[in-house]
Amino acid sequence: MEIFHGADRIAQDDRAARHRVVTHAEHHHGIPLGSQSRGDKILVRLRETAPVVEARPLAAYDAVAIGGSR
């Protein structure tokens, strides 16, 4: 299996047998770990939210388009 980002191959792994998980330590570089003695990992949740934008009435744009004030 190969993973590409644009034209760049960023990962390559052999296919796993059915219902088998294959883990490579180098793929987890930088991910915070739990107990090192047990090999646990901390669940990291990433959330991407939409930017906050100002809602304006269309009349504000009309005023600017015809040379009015901002």
Protein backbone atom coordinates (compact mmCIF):
# COMPACT_ATOMS: atom_id res chain seq x y z
CA MET A 1 0.00 0.00 0.00
CA GLU A 2 1.28 3.48 -0.82
CA ILE A 3 0.06 6.83 0.51
CA PHE A 4 0.64 9.94 -1.60
CA HIS A 5 0.39 13.66 -0.83
CA GLY A 6 0.20 15.22 -4.27
CA ALA A 7 3.03 13.62 -6.26
CA ASP A 8 5.07 12.72 -3.14
CA ARG A 9 4.87 9.23 -1.66
CA ILE A 10 4.73 9.77 2.10
CA ALA A 11 4.24 6.16 3.26
CA GLN A 12 4.59 2.64 1.95
CA ASP A 13 3.56 -0.51 3.80
CA ASP A 14 2.91 -4.13 3.03
CA ARG A 15 -0.74 -5.15 3.09
CA ALA A 16 -1.88 -6.70 6.33
CA ALA A 17 -3.69 -10.00 6.49
CA ARG A 18 -7.46 -9.71 6.88
CA HIS A 19 -8.54 -8.36 10.30
CA ARG A 20 -4.92 -7.77 11.34
CA VAL A 21 -3.52 -4.45 12.55
CA VAL A 22 0.04 -3.55 11.60
CA THR A 23 1.71 -0.82 13.66
CA HIS A 24 5.02 0.89 12.87
CA ALA A 25 6.59 2.95 15.65
CA GLU A 26 7.94 5.56 13.20
CA HIS A 27 4.37 6.36 12.10
CA HIS A 28 3.57 7.45 15.66
CA HIS A 29 6.49 9.85 16.05
CA GLY A 30 5.32 12.96 17.89
CA ILE A 31 2.08 11.45 19.24
CA PRO A 32 1.94 11.70 23.05
CA LEU A 33 2.10 8.31 24.73
CA GLY A 34 0.54 7.11 27.98
CA SER A 35 2.29 4.66 30.25
CA GLN A 36 5.55 3.70 28.55
CA SER A 37 5.70 0.47 30.58
CA ARG A 38 2.33 -0.71 29.22
CA GLY A 39 2.75 0.75 25.73
CA ASP A 40 -0.53 2.68 26.03
CA LYS A 41 -1.32 5.66 23.86
CA ILE A 42 -3.31 8.75 24.83
CA LEU A 43 -6.35 9.35 22.64
CA VAL A 44 -5.73 12.56 20.71
CA ARG A 45 -8.79 14.25 19.26
CA LEU A 46 -8.29 16.80 16.51
CA ARG A 47 -11.07 19.22 15.80
CA GLU A 48 -11.10 21.59 12.88
CA THR A 49 -13.73 24.27 13.06
CA ALA A 50 -14.91 26.81 10.54
CA PRO A 51 -13.48 30.31 10.85
CA VAL A 52 -15.58 32.97 12.54
CA VAL A 53 -16.86 35.44 9.96
CA GLU A 54 -18.80 38.66 10.23
CA ALA A 55 -22.32 38.58 8.79
CA ARG A 56 -23.25 41.81 6.99
CA PRO A 57 -26.42 42.85 5.20
CA LEU A 58 -26.14 43.04 1.40
CA ALA A 59 -26.85 46.79 1.60
CA ALA A 60 -23.38 47.27 3.09
CA TYR A 61 -21.82 45.82 -0.07
CA ASP A 62 -24.12 47.85 -2.30
CA ALA A 63 -22.98 51.03 -0.54
CA VAL A 64 -19.31 50.21 -1.12
CA ALA A 65 -19.93 49.22 -4.75
CA ILE A 66 -21.45 52.59 -5.58
CA GLY A 67 -18.74 54.55 -3.75
CA GLY A 68 -20.31 54.86 -0.33
CA SER A 69 -18.55 54.64 3.03
CA ARG A 70 -17.45 51.42 4.67
